[in-house]
Amino acid sequence: MVGSSTTQPRVLRLKQVLDRVGLSRSTIYDRMNPASPRYDHSFPKPMKIGSSAVGWLESSINKWIESLVDNSLG
């Protein structure tokens, strides 16, 4: 649909997520690991996009960042 105001979902690979959130690779995986002391239940889960590839929805990463901002402001 040309001229549509809706955007298509975008999948981010790990390098893009690292750049977006400013965390290291190990910290990202710690945030997703319930056994880790750095576990964050609110951190977005990756989705499988290939036989050995995962990605994160850009919108879920953006929402997670926004929640950090909201929590830090009050």
PDB file of N, CA and C in Angstrom:
ATOM      1  N   MET A   1       0.855  -1.181   0.000  1.00  0.00           N
ATOM      2  CA  MET A   1       0.000   0.000   0.000  1.00  0.00           C
ATOM      3  C   MET A   1       0.896   1.238   0.000  1.00  0.00           C
ATOM      4  N   VAL A   2       0.919   1.973  -1.056  1.00  0.00           N
ATOM      5  CA  VAL A   2       1.748   3.168  -1.182  1.00  0.00           C
ATOM      6  C   VAL A   2       1.122   4.298  -0.368  1.00  0.00           C
ATOM      7  N   GLY A   3       1.993   5.006   0.377  1.00  0.00           N
ATOM      8  CA  GLY A   3       1.513   6.141   1.160  1.00  0.00           C
ATOM      9  C   GLY A   3       0.906   5.748   2.491  1.00  0.00           C
ATOM     10  N   SER A   4       1.008   4.490   2.861  1.00  0.00           N
ATOM     11  CA  SER A   4       0.452   4.040   4.123  1.00  0.00           C
ATOM     12  C   SER A   4       1.282   4.586   5.280  1.00  0.00           C
ATOM     13  N   SER A   5       0.619   4.950   6.363  1.00  0.00           N
ATOM     14  CA  SER A   5       1.329   5.483   7.519  1.00  0.00           C
ATOM     15  C   SER A   5       1.798   4.372   8.463  1.00  0.00           C
ATOM     16  N   THR A   6       1.412   3.132   8.177  1.00  0.00           N
ATOM     17  CA  THR A   6       1.863   2.037   9.024  1.00  0.00           C
ATOM     18  C   THR A   6       3.239   1.570   8.571  1.00  0.00           C
ATOM     19  N   THR A   7       4.058   1.192   9.537  1.00  0.00           N
ATOM     20  CA  THR A   7       5.389   0.700   9.210  1.00  0.00           C
ATOM     21  C   THR A   7       5.414  -0.806   9.370  1.00  0.00           C
ATOM     22  N   GLN A   8       6.229  -1.437   8.572  1.00  0.00           N
ATOM     23  CA  GLN A   8       6.368  -2.882   8.639  1.00  0.00           C
ATOM     24  C   GLN A   8       7.260  -3.240   9.825  1.00  0.00           C
ATOM     25  N   PRO A   9       6.974  -4.383  10.466  1.00  0.00           N
ATOM     26  CA  PRO A   9       7.854  -4.820  11.550  1.00  0.00           C
ATOM     27  C   PRO A   9       9.270  -5.025  11.031  1.00  0.00           C
ATOM     28  N   ARG A  10      10.250  -4.660  11.850  1.00  0.00           N
ATOM     29  CA  ARG A  10      11.645  -4.803  11.465  1.00  0.00           C
ATOM     30  C   ARG A  10      12.354  -5.680  12.485  1.00  0.00           C
ATOM     31  N   VAL A  11      13.145  -6.599  11.997  1.00  0.00           N
ATOM     32  CA  VAL A  11      13.902  -7.498  12.867  1.00  0.00           C
ATOM     33  C   VAL A  11      15.331  -6.993  12.964  1.00  0.00           C
ATOM     34  N   LEU A  12      15.817  -6.867  14.204  1.00  0.00           N
ATOM     35  CA  LEU A  12      17.184  -6.435  14.446  1.00  0.00           C
ATOM     36  C   LEU A  12      18.035  -7.642  14.790  1.00  0.00           C
ATOM     37  N   ARG A  13      19.222  -7.699  14.251  1.00  0.00           N
ATOM     38  CA  ARG A  13      20.180  -8.739  14.611  1.00  0.00           C
ATOM     39  C   ARG A  13      20.954  -8.268  15.839  1.00  0.00           C
ATOM     40  N   LEU A  14      21.716  -9.168  16.431  1.00  0.00           N
ATOM     41  CA  LEU A  14      22.394  -8.879  17.696  1.00  0.00           C
ATOM     42  C   LEU A  14      23.242  -7.613  17.637  1.00  0.00           C
ATOM     43  N   LYS A  15      24.015  -7.442  16.579  1.00  0.00           N
ATOM     44  CA  LYS A  15      24.872  -6.253  16.470  1.00  0.00           C
ATOM     45  C   LYS A  15      24.044  -4.971  16.521  1.00  0.00           C
ATOM     46  N   GLN A  16      22.897  -4.985  15.866  1.00  0.00           N
ATOM     47  CA  GLN A  16      22.029  -3.806  15.879  1.00  0.00           C
ATOM     48  C   GLN A  16      21.442  -3.575  17.274  1.00  0.00           C
ATOM     49  N   VAL A  17      21.092  -4.659  17.963  1.00  0.00           N
ATOM     50  CA  VAL A  17      20.570  -4.533  19.329  1.00  0.00           C
ATOM     51  C   VAL A  17      21.654  -3.977  20.249  1.00  0.00           C
ATOM     52  N   LEU A  18      22.882  -4.481  20.103  1.00  0.00           N
ATOM     53  CA  LEU A  18      23.992  -3.975  20.910  1.00  0.00           C
ATOM     54  C   LEU A  18      24.166  -2.472  20.713  1.00  0.00           C
ATOM     55  N   ASP A  19      24.134  -2.036  19.465  1.00  0.00           N
ATOM     56  CA  ASP A  19      24.272  -0.610  19.162  1.00  0.00           C
ATOM     57  C   ASP A  19      23.118   0.194  19.751  1.00  0.00           C
ATOM     58  N   ARG A  20      21.922  -0.360  19.682  1.00  0.00           N
ATOM     59  CA  ARG A  20      20.723   0.357  20.128  1.00  0.00           C
ATOM     60  C   ARG A  20      20.676   0.505  21.645  1.00  0.00           C
ATOM     61  N   VAL A  21      20.993  -0.563  22.381  1.00  0.00           N
ATOM     62  CA  VAL A  21      20.824  -0.511  23.837  1.00  0.00           C
ATOM     63  C   VAL A  21      22.093  -0.158  24.591  1.00  0.00           C
ATOM     64  N   GLY A  22      23.249  -0.261  23.949  1.00  0.00           N
ATOM     65  CA  GLY A  22      24.493   0.117  24.596  1.00  0.00           C
ATOM     66  C   GLY A  22      24.998  -0.883  25.622  1.00  0.00           C
ATOM     67  N   LEU A  23      24.591  -2.132  25.491  1.00  0.00           N
ATOM     68  CA  LEU A  23      25.065  -3.184  26.388  1.00  0.00           C
ATOM     69  C   LEU A  23      25.961  -4.140  25.619  1.00  0.00           C
ATOM     70  N   SER A  24      26.752  -4.928  26.345  1.00  0.00           N
ATOM     71  CA  SER A  24      27.609  -5.912  25.691  1.00  0.00           C
ATOM     72  C   SER A  24      26.804  -7.164  25.352  1.00  0.00           C
ATOM     73  N   ARG A  25      27.398  -7.992  24.509  1.00  0.00           N
ATOM     74  CA  ARG A  25      26.760  -9.241  24.100  1.00  0.00           C
ATOM     75  C   ARG A  25      26.475 -10.118  25.320  1.00  0.00           C
ATOM     76  N   SER A  26      27.450 -10.255  26.220  1.00  0.00           N
ATOM     77  CA  SER A  26      27.251 -11.104  27.391  1.00  0.00           C
ATOM     78  C   SER A  26      26.161 -10.548  28.310  1.00  0.00           C
ATOM     79  N   THR A  27      26.080  -9.243  28.417  1.00  0.00           N
ATOM     80  CA  THR A  27      25.044  -8.640  29.253  1.00  0.00           C
ATOM     81  C   THR A  27      23.664  -8.872  28.659  1.00  0.00           C
ATOM     82  N   ILE A  28      23.552  -8.778  27.337  1.00  0.00           N
ATOM     83  CA  ILE A  28      22.273  -9.050  26.673  1.00  0.00           C
ATOM     84  C   ILE A  28      21.807 -10.465  27.029  1.00  0.00           C
ATOM     85  N   TYR A  29      22.700 -11.441  26.881  1.00  0.00           N
ATOM     86  CA  TYR A  29      22.324 -12.818  27.168  1.00  0.00           C
ATOM     87  C   TYR A  29      22.096 -13.046  28.660  1.00  0.00           C
ATOM     88  N   ASP A  30      22.810 -12.331  29.525  1.00  0.00           N
ATOM     89  CA  ASP A  30      22.529 -12.401  30.965  1.00  0.00           C
ATOM     90  C   ASP A  30      21.142 -11.861  31.272  1.00  0.00           C
ATOM     91  N   ARG A  31      20.744 -10.807  30.599  1.00  0.00           N
ATOM     92  CA  ARG A  31      19.408 -10.226  30.816  1.00  0.00           C
ATOM     93  C   ARG A  31      18.303 -11.208  30.461  1.00  0.00           C
ATOM     94  N   MET A  32      18.594 -12.145  29.552  1.00  0.00           N
ATOM     95  CA  MET A  32      17.602 -13.130  29.115  1.00  0.00           C
ATOM     96  C   MET A  32      17.684 -14.439  29.896  1.00  0.00           C
ATOM     97  N   ASN A  33      18.698 -14.623  30.738  1.00  0.00           N
ATOM     98  CA  ASN A  33      18.938 -15.882  31.443  1.00  0.00           C
ATOM     99  C   ASN A  33      18.386 -15.811  32.873  1.00  0.00           C
ATOM    100  N   PRO A  34      17.320 -16.559  33.173  1.00  0.00           N
ATOM    101  CA  PRO A  34      16.738 -16.507  34.527  1.00  0.00           C
ATOM    102  C   PRO A  34      17.712 -16.921  35.629  1.00  0.00           C
ATOM    103  N   ALA A  35      18.756 -17.666  35.313  1.00  0.00           N
ATOM    104  CA  ALA A  35      19.728 -18.089  36.322  1.00  0.00           C
ATOM    105  C   ALA A  35      20.783 -17.016  36.607  1.00  0.00           C
ATOM    106  N   SER A  36      20.790 -15.952  35.814  1.00  0.00           N
ATOM    107  CA  SER A  36      21.788 -14.900  35.973  1.00  0.00           C
ATOM    108  C   SER A  36      21.336 -13.855  36.990  1.00  0.00           C
ATOM    109  N   PRO A  37      22.283 -13.317  37.761  1.00  0.00           N
ATOM    110  CA  PRO A  37      21.920 -12.221  38.673  1.00  0.00           C
ATOM    111  C   PRO A  37      21.524 -10.948  37.921  1.00  0.00           C
ATOM    112  N   ARG A  38      21.890 -10.868  36.649  1.00  0.00           N
ATOM    113  CA  ARG A  38      21.524  -9.690  35.837  1.00  0.00           C
ATOM    114  C   ARG A  38      20.251  -9.927  35.024  1.00  0.00           C
ATOM    115  N   TYR A  39      19.515 -10.986  35.332  1.00  0.00           N
ATOM    116  CA  TYR A  39      18.282 -11.314  34.599  1.00  0.00           C
ATOM    117  C   TYR A  39      17.296 -10.161  34.674  1.00  0.00           C
ATOM    118  N   ASP A  40      16.682  -9.873  33.555  1.00  0.00           N
ATOM    119  CA  ASP A  40      15.654  -8.835  33.471  1.00  0.00           C
ATOM    120  C   ASP A  40      14.466  -9.431  32.732  1.00  0.00           C
ATOM    121  N   HIS A  41      13.407  -9.738  33.483  1.00  0.00           N
ATOM    122  CA  HIS A  41      12.236 -10.377  32.874  1.00  0.00           C
ATOM    123  C   HIS A  41      11.598  -9.518  31.781  1.00  0.00           C
ATOM    124  N   SER A  42      11.842  -8.226  31.818  1.00  0.00           N
ATOM    125  CA  SER A  42      11.222  -7.336  30.835  1.00  0.00           C
ATOM    126  C   SER A  42      12.027  -7.197  29.546  1.00  0.00           C
ATOM    127  N   PHE A  43      13.262  -7.742  29.539  1.00  0.00           N
ATOM    128  CA  PHE A  43      14.064  -7.619  28.321  1.00  0.00           C
ATOM    129  C   PHE A  43      13.440  -8.473  27.222  1.00  0.00           C
ATOM    130  N   PRO A  44      13.298  -7.921  26.017  1.00  0.00           N
ATOM    131  CA  PRO A  44      12.640  -8.658  24.930  1.00  0.00           C
ATOM    132  C   PRO A  44      13.347  -9.971  24.593  1.00  0.00           C
ATOM    133  N   LYS A  45      12.538 -10.969  24.308  1.00  0.00           N
ATOM    134  CA  LYS A  45      13.064 -12.276  23.911  1.00  0.00           C
ATOM    135  C   LYS A  45      13.299 -12.270  22.405  1.00  0.00           C
ATOM    136  N   PRO A  46      14.370 -12.921  21.968  1.00  0.00           N
ATOM    137  CA  PRO A  46      14.603 -13.004  20.523  1.00  0.00           C
ATOM    138  C   PRO A  46      13.653 -14.029  19.897  1.00  0.00           C
ATOM    139  N   MET A  47      13.498 -13.909  18.595  1.00  0.00           N
ATOM    140  CA  MET A  47      12.704 -14.896  17.866  1.00  0.00           C
ATOM    141  C   MET A  47      13.597 -15.566  16.838  1.00  0.00           C
ATOM    142  N   LYS A  48      13.299 -16.797  16.539  1.00  0.00           N
ATOM    143  CA  LYS A  48      14.082 -17.562  15.581  1.00  0.00           C
ATOM    144  C   LYS A  48      13.725 -17.072  14.172  1.00  0.00           C
ATOM    145  N   ILE A  49      14.752 -16.714  13.397  1.00  0.00           N
ATOM    146  CA  ILE A  49      14.509 -16.237  12.037  1.00  0.00           C
ATOM    147  C   ILE A  49      15.195 -17.112  10.996  1.00  0.00           C
ATOM    148  N   GLY A  50      15.834 -18.157  11.446  1.00  0.00           N
ATOM    149  CA  GLY A  50      16.511 -19.092  10.565  1.00  0.00           C
ATOM    150  C   GLY A  50      16.933 -20.302  11.365  1.00  0.00           C
ATOM    151  N   SER A  51      17.593 -21.238  10.722  1.00  0.00           N
ATOM    152  CA  SER A  51      17.971 -22.459  11.430  1.00  0.00           C
ATOM    153  C   SER A  51      18.927 -22.186  12.583  1.00  0.00           C
ATOM    154  N   SER A  52      19.776 -21.194  12.458  1.00  0.00           N
ATOM    155  CA  SER A  52      20.691 -20.857  13.554  1.00  0.00           C
ATOM    156  C   SER A  52      20.785 -19.349  13.758  1.00  0.00           C
ATOM    157  N   ALA A  53      19.744 -18.641  13.400  1.00  0.00           N
ATOM    158  CA  ALA A  53      19.750 -17.184  13.516  1.00  0.00           C
ATOM    159  C   ALA A  53      18.558 -16.710  14.343  1.00  0.00           C
ATOM    160  N   VAL A  54      18.807 -15.702  15.174  1.00  0.00           N
ATOM    161  CA  VAL A  54      17.736 -15.088  15.945  1.00  0.00           C
ATOM    162  C   VAL A  54      17.763 -13.584  15.711  1.00  0.00           C
ATOM    163  N   GLY A  55      16.652 -12.955  16.007  1.00  0.00           N
ATOM    164  CA  GLY A  55      16.551 -11.508  15.900  1.00  0.00           C
ATOM    165  C   GLY A  55      15.513 -10.999  16.879  1.00  0.00           C
ATOM    166  N   TRP A  56      15.511  -9.721  17.109  1.00  0.00           N
ATOM    167  CA  TRP A  56      14.571  -9.080  18.014  1.00  0.00           C
ATOM    168  C   TRP A  56      13.710  -8.113  17.214  1.00  0.00           C
ATOM    169  N   LEU A  57      12.439  -8.028  17.546  1.00  0.00           N
ATOM    170  CA  LEU A  57      11.595  -7.035  16.906  1.00  0.00           C
ATOM    171  C   LEU A  57      12.037  -5.648  17.359  1.00  0.00           C
ATOM    172  N   GLU A  58      12.231  -4.778  16.403  1.00  0.00           N
ATOM    173  CA  GLU A  58      12.674  -3.414  16.715  1.00  0.00           C
ATOM    174  C   GLU A  58      11.689  -2.741  17.668  1.00  0.00           C
ATOM    175  N   SER A  59      10.404  -2.966  17.463  1.00  0.00           N
ATOM    176  CA  SER A  59       9.394  -2.333  18.315  1.00  0.00           C
ATOM    177  C   SER A  59       9.511  -2.787  19.767  1.00  0.00           C
ATOM    178  N   SER A  60       9.859  -4.065  19.990  1.00  0.00           N
ATOM    179  CA  SER A  60       9.990  -4.538  21.377  1.00  0.00           C
ATOM    180  C   SER A  60      11.241  -3.953  22.039  1.00  0.00           C
ATOM    181  N   ILE A  61      12.303  -3.789  21.280  1.00  0.00           N
ATOM    182  CA  ILE A  61      13.512  -3.148  21.818  1.00  0.00           C
ATOM    183  C   ILE A  61      13.212  -1.691  22.152  1.00  0.00           C
ATOM    184  N   ASN A  62      12.509  -1.005  21.251  1.00  0.00           N
ATOM    185  CA  ASN A  62      12.150   0.399  21.497  1.00  0.00           C
ATOM    186  C   ASN A  62      11.283   0.543  22.747  1.00  0.00           C
ATOM    187  N   LYS A  63      10.311  -0.368  22.930  1.00  0.00           N
ATOM    188  CA  LYS A  63       9.444  -0.315  24.113  1.00  0.00           C
ATOM    189  C   LYS A  63      10.255  -0.550  25.390  1.00  0.00           C
ATOM    190  N   TRP A  64      11.229  -1.477  25.330  1.00  0.00           N
ATOM    191  CA  TRP A  64      12.055  -1.748  26.500  1.00  0.00           C
ATOM    192  C   TRP A  64      12.869  -0.505  26.876  1.00  0.00           C
ATOM    193  N   ILE A  65      13.450   0.147  25.866  1.00  0.00           N
ATOM    194  CA  ILE A  65      14.220   1.378  26.125  1.00  0.00           C
ATOM    195  C   ILE A  65      13.309   2.448  26.710  1.00  0.00           C
ATOM    196  N   GLU A  66      12.111   2.608  26.158  1.00  0.00           N
ATOM    197  CA  GLU A  66      11.159   3.605  26.666  1.00  0.00           C
ATOM    198  C   GLU A  66      10.783   3.309  28.112  1.00  0.00           C
ATOM    199  N   SER A  67      10.638   2.023  28.460  1.00  0.00           N
ATOM    200  CA  SER A  67      10.295   1.683  29.851  1.00  0.00           C
ATOM    201  C   SER A  67      11.429   2.049  30.796  1.00  0.00           C
ATOM    202  N   LEU A  68      12.685   1.914  30.342  1.00  0.00           N
ATOM    203  CA  LEU A  68      13.811   2.338  31.180  1.00  0.00           C
ATOM    204  C   LEU A  68      13.781   3.839  31.419  1.00  0.00           C
ATOM    205  N   VAL A  69      13.479   4.577  30.362  1.00  0.00           N
ATOM    206  CA  VAL A  69      13.400   6.038  30.484  1.00  0.00           C
ATOM    207  C   VAL A  69      12.279   6.415  31.437  1.00  0.00           C
ATOM    208  N   ASP A  70      11.097   5.796  31.268  1.00  0.00           N
ATOM    209  CA  ASP A  70       9.958   6.096  32.135  1.00  0.00           C
ATOM    210  C   ASP A  70      10.287   5.783  33.589  1.00  0.00           C
ATOM    211  N   ASN A  71      10.931   4.648  33.842  1.00  0.00           N
ATOM    212  CA  ASN A  71      11.276   4.256  35.218  1.00  0.00           C
ATOM    213  C   ASN A  71      12.324   5.180  35.826  1.00  0.00           C
ATOM    214  N   SER A  72      13.226   5.694  35.010  1.00  0.00           N
ATOM    215  CA  SER A  72      14.267   6.568  35.552  1.00  0.00           C
ATOM    216  C   SER A  72      13.730   7.973  35.851  1.00  0.00           C
ATOM    217  N   LEU A  73      12.641   8.347  35.193  1.00  0.00           N
ATOM    218  CA  LEU A  73      12.082   9.680  35.402  1.00  0.00           C
ATOM    219  C   LEU A  73      11.117   9.745  36.585  1.00  0.00           C
ATOM    220  N   GLY A  74      10.721   8.633  37.058  1.00  0.00           N
ATOM    221  CA  GLY A  74       9.814   8.753  38.179  1.00  0.00           C
ATOM    222  C   GLY A  74       9.113   7.546  38.500  1.00  0.00           C
TER     223      GLY A  74
END
